[in-house]
N, C-alpha and C. Protein backbone atom coordinates (compact mmCIF):
# COMPACT_ATOMS: atom_id res chain seq x y z
N MET A 1 8.59 -16.46 21.21
CA MET A 1 7.35 -15.94 20.85
C MET A 1 7.57 -14.36 21.21
N SER A 2 7.30 -13.49 20.08
CA SER A 2 7.58 -12.14 20.28
C SER A 2 6.33 -11.28 20.78
N SER A 3 6.47 -10.13 21.45
CA SER A 3 5.63 -9.35 21.75
C SER A 3 5.19 -8.41 20.72
N LYS A 4 4.20 -7.79 20.80
CA LYS A 4 3.67 -6.73 19.90
C LYS A 4 4.64 -5.81 19.60
N GLN A 5 5.25 -5.17 20.51
CA GLN A 5 6.34 -4.19 20.29
C GLN A 5 7.43 -4.42 19.44
N ASP A 6 7.96 -5.84 19.67
CA ASP A 6 9.09 -6.13 18.83
C ASP A 6 8.55 -7.06 17.73
N PHE A 7 7.37 -7.13 17.37
CA PHE A 7 6.96 -7.81 16.02
C PHE A 7 7.38 -7.19 14.95
N LYS A 8 8.11 -7.96 14.10
CA LYS A 8 8.49 -7.50 12.76
C LYS A 8 7.77 -8.17 11.65
N THR A 9 7.36 -7.23 10.57
CA THR A 9 6.64 -7.98 9.38
C THR A 9 7.77 -7.89 8.55
N ASN A 10 7.75 -8.72 7.44
CA ASN A 10 8.66 -8.85 6.33
C ASN A 10 8.95 -7.48 5.67
N VAL A 11 7.98 -6.64 5.65
CA VAL A 11 8.12 -5.29 5.09
C VAL A 11 8.92 -4.48 6.02
N MET A 12 8.83 -4.54 7.35
CA MET A 12 9.77 -4.06 8.33
C MET A 12 11.33 -4.49 8.18
N ARG A 13 11.22 -5.81 7.90
CA ARG A 13 12.84 -6.33 7.89
C ARG A 13 13.29 -6.06 6.63
N ILE A 14 12.74 -5.82 5.47
CA ILE A 14 13.07 -5.28 4.09
C ILE A 14 13.53 -3.82 4.37
N LEU A 15 12.77 -2.95 5.27
CA LEU A 15 13.27 -1.70 5.52
C LEU A 15 14.32 -1.34 6.48
N ASP A 16 14.63 -2.42 7.55
CA ASP A 16 15.63 -2.27 8.21
C ASP A 16 16.91 -2.74 7.57
N LYS A 17 16.73 -3.92 6.63
CA LYS A 17 17.96 -4.22 5.87
C LYS A 17 18.65 -3.16 4.85
N GLN A 18 17.58 -2.41 4.24
CA GLN A 18 17.83 -1.20 3.58
C GLN A 18 18.38 0.04 4.36
N LYS A 19 18.12 -0.06 5.76
CA LYS A 19 18.58 1.18 6.55
C LYS A 19 17.42 2.25 6.49
N ILE A 20 16.36 2.06 6.12
CA ILE A 20 15.30 2.93 5.89
C ILE A 20 14.80 3.40 7.26
N LYS A 21 14.51 4.39 7.65
CA LYS A 21 13.85 4.93 8.78
C LYS A 21 12.38 5.02 8.62
N TYR A 22 11.75 4.33 9.64
CA TYR A 22 10.34 4.16 9.48
C TYR A 22 9.56 4.25 10.93
N ASN A 23 8.39 4.55 11.08
CA ASN A 23 7.50 4.42 12.12
C ASN A 23 6.74 3.12 11.94
N HIS A 24 6.26 2.34 13.01
CA HIS A 24 5.32 1.37 12.77
C HIS A 24 4.36 1.55 13.64
N TYR A 25 3.08 0.84 13.39
CA TYR A 25 1.83 1.15 14.21
C TYR A 25 1.14 -0.14 14.18
N THR A 26 0.43 -0.46 15.33
CA THR A 26 -0.43 -1.58 15.35
C THR A 26 -1.86 -1.08 15.68
N TYR A 27 -2.79 -1.98 14.99
CA TYR A 27 -4.39 -1.68 15.29
C TYR A 27 -4.95 -3.02 15.44
N ALA A 28 -3.97 -3.90 15.68
CA ALA A 28 -4.34 -5.48 15.65
C ALA A 28 -5.32 -5.68 16.83
N ASP A 29 -5.29 -4.95 18.01
CA ASP A 29 -6.01 -5.21 19.10
C ASP A 29 -7.35 -4.10 19.05
N THR A 30 -7.81 -3.84 17.83
CA THR A 30 -8.97 -2.84 17.64
C THR A 30 -9.89 -3.67 16.77
N ASP A 31 -11.12 -2.87 16.56
CA ASP A 31 -12.21 -3.64 15.82
C ASP A 31 -11.98 -2.86 14.37
N ALA A 32 -10.96 -1.93 14.00
CA ALA A 32 -10.77 -1.42 12.87
C ALA A 32 -10.64 -2.31 11.81
N ILE A 33 -11.55 -2.08 10.76
CA ILE A 33 -11.58 -2.76 9.66
C ILE A 33 -10.99 -2.03 8.07
N SER A 34 -12.01 -1.03 7.92
CA SER A 34 -11.64 -0.17 6.94
C SER A 34 -10.44 0.71 6.94
N GLY A 35 -9.86 1.20 5.84
CA GLY A 35 -8.77 2.15 5.89
C GLY A 35 -9.12 3.29 6.78
N THR A 36 -10.33 3.80 6.54
CA THR A 36 -10.50 5.18 7.34
C THR A 36 -10.64 4.74 8.92
N GLU A 37 -11.24 3.75 9.23
CA GLU A 37 -11.29 3.16 10.66
C GLU A 37 -9.82 3.08 11.20
N VAL A 38 -8.94 2.51 10.35
CA VAL A 38 -7.67 2.43 10.75
C VAL A 38 -7.05 3.76 11.11
N ALA A 39 -7.28 4.83 10.18
CA ALA A 39 -6.76 6.10 10.25
C ALA A 39 -7.26 6.62 11.76
N GLN A 40 -8.42 6.34 11.87
CA GLN A 40 -9.17 7.06 12.96
C GLN A 40 -8.41 6.58 14.25
N VAL A 41 -8.51 5.13 14.37
CA VAL A 41 -7.72 4.49 15.57
C VAL A 41 -6.50 4.89 15.82
N LEU A 42 -5.62 5.17 14.66
CA LEU A 42 -4.20 5.72 14.91
C LEU A 42 -4.06 7.05 15.13
N GLY A 43 -5.28 7.88 15.02
CA GLY A 43 -5.23 9.19 15.17
C GLY A 43 -4.57 10.02 14.02
N GLN A 44 -4.82 9.52 12.71
CA GLN A 44 -4.03 9.89 11.55
C GLN A 44 -4.85 10.49 10.83
N ASN A 45 -4.51 11.50 9.96
CA ASN A 45 -5.20 12.22 8.66
C ASN A 45 -5.32 11.04 7.60
N PRO A 46 -6.69 10.83 7.31
CA PRO A 46 -7.02 9.59 6.50
C PRO A 46 -6.41 10.10 5.05
N ASP A 47 -5.98 11.34 4.71
CA ASP A 47 -5.43 11.71 3.62
C ASP A 47 -4.10 11.15 3.42
N MET A 48 -3.23 10.95 4.51
CA MET A 48 -1.97 10.33 4.59
C MET A 48 -1.82 8.92 4.66
N VAL A 49 -3.01 8.31 5.00
CA VAL A 49 -3.13 6.92 5.05
C VAL A 49 -3.40 6.21 3.72
N PHE A 50 -2.62 5.21 3.17
CA PHE A 50 -2.76 4.79 1.84
C PHE A 50 -3.23 3.38 1.87
N LYS A 51 -4.01 3.08 0.98
CA LYS A 51 -4.38 1.64 0.82
C LYS A 51 -3.69 1.04 -0.48
N THR A 52 -3.40 -0.21 -0.58
CA THR A 52 -2.65 -0.80 -1.73
C THR A 52 -3.53 -1.66 -2.60
N LEU A 53 -3.76 -1.29 -3.64
CA LEU A 53 -4.94 -2.04 -4.78
C LEU A 53 -3.93 -2.60 -5.58
N VAL A 54 -4.29 -3.78 -6.10
CA VAL A 54 -3.81 -4.68 -7.07
C VAL A 54 -5.03 -4.80 -8.04
N THR A 55 -4.37 -4.32 -9.37
CA THR A 55 -5.18 -4.78 -10.71
C THR A 55 -4.64 -5.45 -11.67
N ILE A 56 -5.51 -5.72 -12.70
CA ILE A 56 -4.93 -6.53 -13.87
C ILE A 56 -5.43 -5.88 -15.15
N GLY A 57 -4.58 -5.61 -15.97
CA GLY A 57 -4.77 -4.94 -17.17
C GLY A 57 -5.32 -5.90 -18.46
N LYS A 58 -5.66 -5.24 -19.40
CA LYS A 58 -6.15 -6.02 -20.62
C LYS A 58 -5.18 -6.74 -21.32
N THR A 59 -3.95 -6.45 -20.84
CA THR A 59 -2.62 -7.09 -21.40
C THR A 59 -2.45 -8.27 -20.47
N LYS A 60 -3.05 -8.36 -19.44
CA LYS A 60 -2.97 -9.33 -18.36
C LYS A 60 -1.80 -9.24 -17.53
N LYS A 61 -1.33 -8.11 -17.47
CA LYS A 61 -0.19 -7.43 -16.55
C LYS A 61 -0.93 -6.86 -15.30
N TYR A 62 -0.05 -7.23 -14.33
CA TYR A 62 -0.54 -6.84 -12.89
C TYR A 62 0.05 -5.47 -12.41
N TYR A 63 -0.81 -4.65 -11.89
CA TYR A 63 -0.57 -3.03 -11.44
C TYR A 63 -0.75 -2.99 -9.91
N VAL A 64 0.12 -2.24 -9.30
CA VAL A 64 -0.34 -1.83 -7.77
C VAL A 64 -0.61 -0.20 -7.81
N PHE A 65 -1.57 0.16 -7.13
CA PHE A 65 -2.07 1.47 -7.10
C PHE A 65 -2.00 1.79 -5.42
N MET A 66 -1.61 2.86 -5.13
CA MET A 66 -1.62 3.24 -3.68
C MET A 66 -2.46 4.61 -3.72
N ILE A 67 -3.49 4.55 -3.16
CA ILE A 67 -4.50 5.86 -2.96
C ILE A 67 -4.76 6.02 -1.39
N PRO A 68 -5.30 7.11 -1.10
CA PRO A 68 -5.72 7.62 0.14
C PRO A 68 -6.88 6.54 0.50
N VAL A 69 -7.00 6.08 1.95
CA VAL A 69 -7.68 5.40 2.28
C VAL A 69 -9.35 5.57 2.12
N ALA A 70 -9.58 7.14 1.91
CA ALA A 70 -11.08 7.35 1.98
C ALA A 70 -11.31 7.79 0.49
N LYS A 71 -10.50 7.46 -0.57
CA LYS A 71 -10.67 7.79 -1.95
C LYS A 71 -10.87 6.37 -2.52
N GLU A 72 -11.39 6.53 -3.75
CA GLU A 72 -11.66 5.30 -4.70
C GLU A 72 -10.67 5.55 -5.98
N LEU A 73 -10.41 4.26 -6.31
CA LEU A 73 -9.45 4.31 -7.70
C LEU A 73 -10.33 4.64 -8.66
N ASP A 74 -9.82 5.65 -9.58
CA ASP A 74 -10.58 5.91 -11.03
C ASP A 74 -9.85 4.98 -11.91
N LEU A 75 -10.57 3.84 -12.44
CA LEU A 75 -10.18 2.82 -13.26
C LEU A 75 -9.50 3.44 -14.57
N LYS A 76 -10.23 4.37 -15.03
CA LYS A 76 -9.90 5.00 -16.31
C LYS A 76 -8.54 5.72 -16.22
N LYS A 77 -8.41 6.48 -15.14
CA LYS A 77 -7.13 7.29 -14.90
C LYS A 77 -6.10 6.33 -14.74
N ALA A 78 -6.40 5.46 -13.85
CA ALA A 78 -5.28 4.33 -13.53
C ALA A 78 -4.79 3.79 -14.79
N ALA A 79 -5.69 3.26 -15.61
CA ALA A 79 -5.38 2.49 -16.95
C ALA A 79 -4.17 3.43 -17.62
N ALA A 80 -4.90 4.68 -17.86
CA ALA A 80 -4.21 5.79 -18.43
C ALA A 80 -2.40 5.90 -18.00
N ALA A 81 -2.48 5.94 -16.78
CA ALA A 81 -1.20 5.97 -15.93
C ALA A 81 -0.31 4.86 -16.26
N VAL A 82 -0.81 3.75 -16.63
CA VAL A 82 0.17 2.79 -17.06
C VAL A 82 0.07 2.19 -18.28
N ASN A 83 -0.67 3.14 -19.15
CA ASN A 83 -0.53 2.77 -20.71
C ASN A 83 -1.33 1.60 -20.96
N GLU A 84 -2.58 1.40 -20.23
CA GLU A 84 -3.27 0.28 -20.47
C GLU A 84 -4.62 0.67 -21.37
N LYS A 85 -5.40 -0.24 -21.88
CA LYS A 85 -6.47 0.23 -22.45
C LYS A 85 -7.67 0.28 -21.44
N SER A 86 -7.65 -0.90 -20.66
CA SER A 86 -8.43 -0.72 -19.45
C SER A 86 -7.92 -1.68 -18.38
N ILE A 87 -8.26 -1.59 -17.12
CA ILE A 87 -7.84 -2.21 -16.00
C ILE A 87 -8.90 -2.67 -15.14
N GLU A 88 -8.96 -3.83 -14.43
CA GLU A 88 -9.89 -3.93 -13.36
C GLU A 88 -9.16 -4.66 -12.13
N MET A 89 -10.07 -4.66 -10.98
CA MET A 89 -9.56 -4.84 -9.84
C MET A 89 -9.23 -6.45 -9.84
N LEU A 90 -7.92 -6.86 -9.35
CA LEU A 90 -7.79 -8.29 -9.06
C LEU A 90 -8.83 -8.96 -8.37
N HIS A 91 -9.25 -10.32 -8.79
CA HIS A 91 -10.27 -11.00 -7.89
C HIS A 91 -9.59 -11.26 -6.57
N LEU A 92 -10.27 -11.33 -5.67
CA LEU A 92 -9.70 -11.48 -4.08
C LEU A 92 -8.98 -12.94 -4.15
N LYS A 93 -9.54 -13.86 -4.94
CA LYS A 93 -8.91 -15.20 -4.62
C LYS A 93 -7.63 -15.23 -5.30
N ASP A 94 -7.41 -14.15 -6.27
CA ASP A 94 -5.90 -14.22 -6.92
C ASP A 94 -5.15 -13.40 -6.25
N LEU A 95 -5.43 -12.54 -5.09
CA LEU A 95 -4.52 -11.99 -4.23
C LEU A 95 -3.29 -12.53 -3.87
N LEU A 96 -3.50 -13.46 -2.75
CA LEU A 96 -2.29 -14.08 -2.17
C LEU A 96 -1.61 -14.80 -3.12
N PRO A 97 -2.24 -15.61 -4.16
CA PRO A 97 -1.15 -16.25 -5.14
C PRO A 97 -0.40 -15.34 -5.73
N THR A 98 -0.91 -14.02 -6.22
CA THR A 98 -0.06 -13.15 -6.97
C THR A 98 0.84 -12.34 -6.25
N THR A 99 0.39 -11.77 -5.15
CA THR A 99 1.04 -11.00 -4.33
C THR A 99 1.91 -11.51 -3.19
N GLY A 100 1.29 -12.60 -2.54
CA GLY A 100 1.70 -13.12 -1.17
C GLY A 100 1.16 -12.57 -0.10
N TYR A 101 0.34 -11.67 -0.50
CA TYR A 101 -0.65 -10.81 0.79
C TYR A 101 -1.93 -11.28 0.82
N VAL A 102 -2.49 -10.86 1.89
CA VAL A 102 -4.06 -11.25 1.95
C VAL A 102 -4.81 -9.71 1.96
N HIS A 103 -5.99 -9.90 1.54
CA HIS A 103 -6.70 -8.56 1.77
C HIS A 103 -6.90 -7.88 2.94
N GLY A 104 -6.30 -6.49 3.11
CA GLY A 104 -6.28 -5.77 4.33
C GLY A 104 -4.79 -6.05 4.83
N GLY A 105 -4.12 -6.84 4.11
CA GLY A 105 -2.64 -6.77 4.59
C GLY A 105 -1.73 -6.66 3.54
N CYS A 106 -2.16 -6.02 2.29
CA CYS A 106 -1.34 -5.94 1.18
C CYS A 106 -0.67 -4.66 1.27
N SER A 107 0.72 -5.00 1.05
CA SER A 107 1.82 -3.66 1.02
C SER A 107 2.52 -3.74 -0.25
N PRO A 108 2.93 -2.58 -0.73
CA PRO A 108 3.64 -2.69 -2.10
C PRO A 108 5.23 -2.91 -1.77
N ILE A 109 5.57 -3.03 -0.54
CA ILE A 109 6.85 -3.57 -0.49
C ILE A 109 6.68 -5.06 -0.17
N GLY A 110 7.47 -6.00 -0.88
CA GLY A 110 7.79 -7.23 -0.51
C GLY A 110 6.78 -8.36 -1.19
N MET A 111 6.20 -7.75 -2.25
CA MET A 111 5.43 -8.60 -3.09
C MET A 111 6.08 -9.71 -3.74
N LYS A 112 5.41 -10.78 -4.13
CA LYS A 112 6.29 -11.81 -4.64
C LYS A 112 7.08 -11.51 -6.16
N LYS A 113 6.56 -10.62 -6.78
CA LYS A 113 7.40 -10.05 -7.94
C LYS A 113 7.15 -8.53 -7.83
N LEU A 114 8.02 -7.88 -8.59
CA LEU A 114 8.00 -6.56 -8.67
C LEU A 114 6.93 -5.95 -9.93
N PHE A 115 5.84 -5.43 -9.42
CA PHE A 115 4.81 -4.77 -10.36
C PHE A 115 4.89 -3.29 -10.59
N THR A 116 4.53 -2.86 -11.76
CA THR A 116 4.40 -1.48 -12.00
C THR A 116 3.62 -0.98 -10.99
N THR A 117 4.10 0.20 -10.19
CA THR A 117 3.37 0.82 -9.09
C THR A 117 3.19 2.20 -9.30
N VAL A 118 1.90 2.69 -8.99
CA VAL A 118 1.58 4.04 -9.16
C VAL A 118 1.05 4.66 -7.77
N VAL A 119 1.62 5.73 -7.14
CA VAL A 119 1.05 6.25 -6.00
C VAL A 119 0.32 7.49 -6.52
N ASP A 120 -0.77 7.76 -5.78
CA ASP A 120 -1.55 8.97 -6.11
C ASP A 120 -0.87 10.08 -5.88
N SER A 121 -0.76 11.15 -6.62
CA SER A 121 -0.04 12.19 -6.58
C SER A 121 -0.12 12.95 -5.23
N SER A 122 -1.30 12.68 -4.62
CA SER A 122 -1.57 13.50 -3.16
C SER A 122 -0.62 13.22 -2.34
N ALA A 123 0.15 11.99 -2.36
CA ALA A 123 1.20 11.79 -1.53
C ALA A 123 2.34 12.63 -1.40
N GLN A 124 2.64 13.59 -2.32
CA GLN A 124 3.60 14.58 -2.49
C GLN A 124 3.11 15.68 -1.49
N ASN A 125 1.79 15.69 -0.94
CA ASN A 125 1.41 16.74 -0.10
C ASN A 125 1.82 16.55 1.28
N PHE A 126 2.61 15.30 1.48
CA PHE A 126 2.83 14.93 2.92
C PHE A 126 4.25 14.61 2.88
N GLU A 127 4.96 14.66 4.22
CA GLU A 127 6.29 14.46 4.43
C GLU A 127 6.45 13.00 4.46
N THR A 128 5.40 12.45 5.14
CA THR A 128 5.46 11.00 5.36
C THR A 128 3.85 10.43 4.89
N ILE A 129 4.00 9.02 4.48
CA ILE A 129 2.67 8.54 4.38
C ILE A 129 2.61 7.12 5.06
N ILE A 130 1.47 6.67 5.50
CA ILE A 130 1.26 5.50 6.27
C ILE A 130 0.57 4.53 5.29
N PHE A 131 1.13 3.08 5.29
CA PHE A 131 0.49 2.24 4.44
C PHE A 131 0.91 0.87 5.11
N SER A 132 0.10 -0.50 4.63
CA SER A 132 0.38 -1.45 5.28
C SER A 132 1.50 -2.20 5.44
N ALA A 133 1.91 -2.68 6.60
CA ALA A 133 3.28 -3.19 6.67
C ALA A 133 3.38 -4.66 6.42
N GLY A 134 2.27 -5.12 5.68
CA GLY A 134 2.31 -6.47 5.04
C GLY A 134 1.44 -7.64 5.88
N LYS A 135 1.03 -7.10 6.89
CA LYS A 135 0.03 -7.79 7.83
C LYS A 135 -1.33 -7.16 8.48
N ILE A 136 -2.23 -7.70 8.33
CA ILE A 136 -3.17 -7.03 9.05
C ILE A 136 -3.21 -6.66 10.40
N GLY A 137 -3.38 -5.42 10.71
CA GLY A 137 -3.07 -4.87 11.98
C GLY A 137 -1.74 -4.12 12.15
N TYR A 138 -1.21 -4.05 10.89
CA TYR A 138 0.19 -3.30 11.24
C TYR A 138 0.41 -2.51 10.15
N GLN A 139 0.91 -1.18 10.37
CA GLN A 139 1.13 -0.13 9.47
C GLN A 139 2.85 0.47 9.49
N VAL A 140 3.24 0.95 8.61
CA VAL A 140 4.52 1.57 8.60
C VAL A 140 4.14 2.86 8.07
N GLU A 141 5.21 3.76 8.48
CA GLU A 141 4.88 5.27 8.07
C GLU A 141 6.56 5.70 7.71
N LEU A 142 6.62 6.10 6.29
CA LEU A 142 7.86 6.54 5.95
C LEU A 142 7.62 7.72 4.92
N LYS A 143 8.67 8.42 4.48
CA LYS A 143 8.82 9.33 3.68
C LYS A 143 8.65 8.65 1.90
N PRO A 144 7.90 9.43 1.26
CA PRO A 144 7.72 8.87 -0.16
C PRO A 144 8.89 8.64 -0.81
N THR A 145 9.93 9.54 -0.63
CA THR A 145 11.44 9.23 -1.22
C THR A 145 12.07 8.20 -0.67
N ASP A 146 11.70 7.76 0.47
CA ASP A 146 12.43 6.45 1.09
C ASP A 146 11.79 5.34 0.43
N LEU A 147 10.40 5.46 0.41
CA LEU A 147 9.76 4.20 -0.36
C LEU A 147 10.50 4.02 -1.87
N GLN A 148 10.73 5.11 -2.33
CA GLN A 148 11.42 4.99 -3.72
C GLN A 148 12.60 4.21 -3.76
N LYS A 149 13.27 4.22 -2.64
CA LYS A 149 14.45 3.29 -2.40
C LYS A 149 14.15 1.86 -2.30
N VAL A 150 12.98 1.40 -2.19
CA VAL A 150 12.63 0.04 -1.90
C VAL A 150 11.90 -0.56 -3.11
N ILE A 151 10.81 0.23 -3.63
CA ILE A 151 10.20 -0.13 -4.89
C ILE A 151 10.30 1.18 -5.78
N GLN A 152 10.37 0.81 -7.13
CA GLN A 152 10.07 1.83 -8.19
C GLN A 152 8.53 2.39 -8.39
N TYR A 153 8.33 3.38 -8.33
CA TYR A 153 6.99 3.82 -8.61
C TYR A 153 6.98 5.27 -9.27
N THR A 154 5.53 5.64 -9.95
CA THR A 154 5.48 6.97 -10.21
C THR A 154 4.19 7.60 -9.69
N PHE A 155 4.30 9.00 -9.72
CA PHE A 155 3.11 9.47 -8.94
C PHE A 155 2.04 9.78 -10.43
N ALA A 156 0.79 9.78 -9.97
CA ALA A 156 -0.20 10.10 -11.10
C ALA A 156 -1.54 10.46 -10.28
N ASP A 157 -2.41 11.28 -10.79
CA ASP A 157 -3.57 11.41 -10.35
C ASP A 157 -4.58 10.45 -10.75
N ILE A 158 -4.74 9.41 -9.60
CA ILE A 158 -5.56 8.23 -10.13
C ILE A 158 -6.74 8.08 -9.31
N CYS A 159 -7.25 9.17 -8.63
CA CYS A 159 -8.48 8.94 -7.51
C CYS A 159 -9.76 9.71 -8.52
N CYS A 160 -10.94 9.16 -8.18
CA CYS A 160 -12.24 9.63 -8.60
C CYS A 160 -12.22 11.14 -7.99
């Protein structure tokens, strides 16, 4: 059995395999639930802590969006960013079967399939960003350019 210090999520193993440098954090032993609470517990700027949202388009294609935890996804801007007429949030019951992740532990890295991914352009304002390590209570921090080595994504203004 591993201790919290040497616990590795699948996301961390993928980053290790790619030899990508990252920091990891845990908030598993706190009461933090929302992304802004997580940022607060970690002592981090909520603008650089991102949540991973999964949507489905009118064409029935899935899309992943990463936005700062204190912001809301603008569905019209998001749809335009992926050339869809409209998109909606994926129903909670469909998240695990579609991505392999549960709500609150969804990471853009290591999903069951590679989905078109868009990161809010505000990520370009930071040297590193923090997001879920694929398990509730765990986060990773890395450079957006290093994230590009693991998943393909584009930047767009997708927040309200």
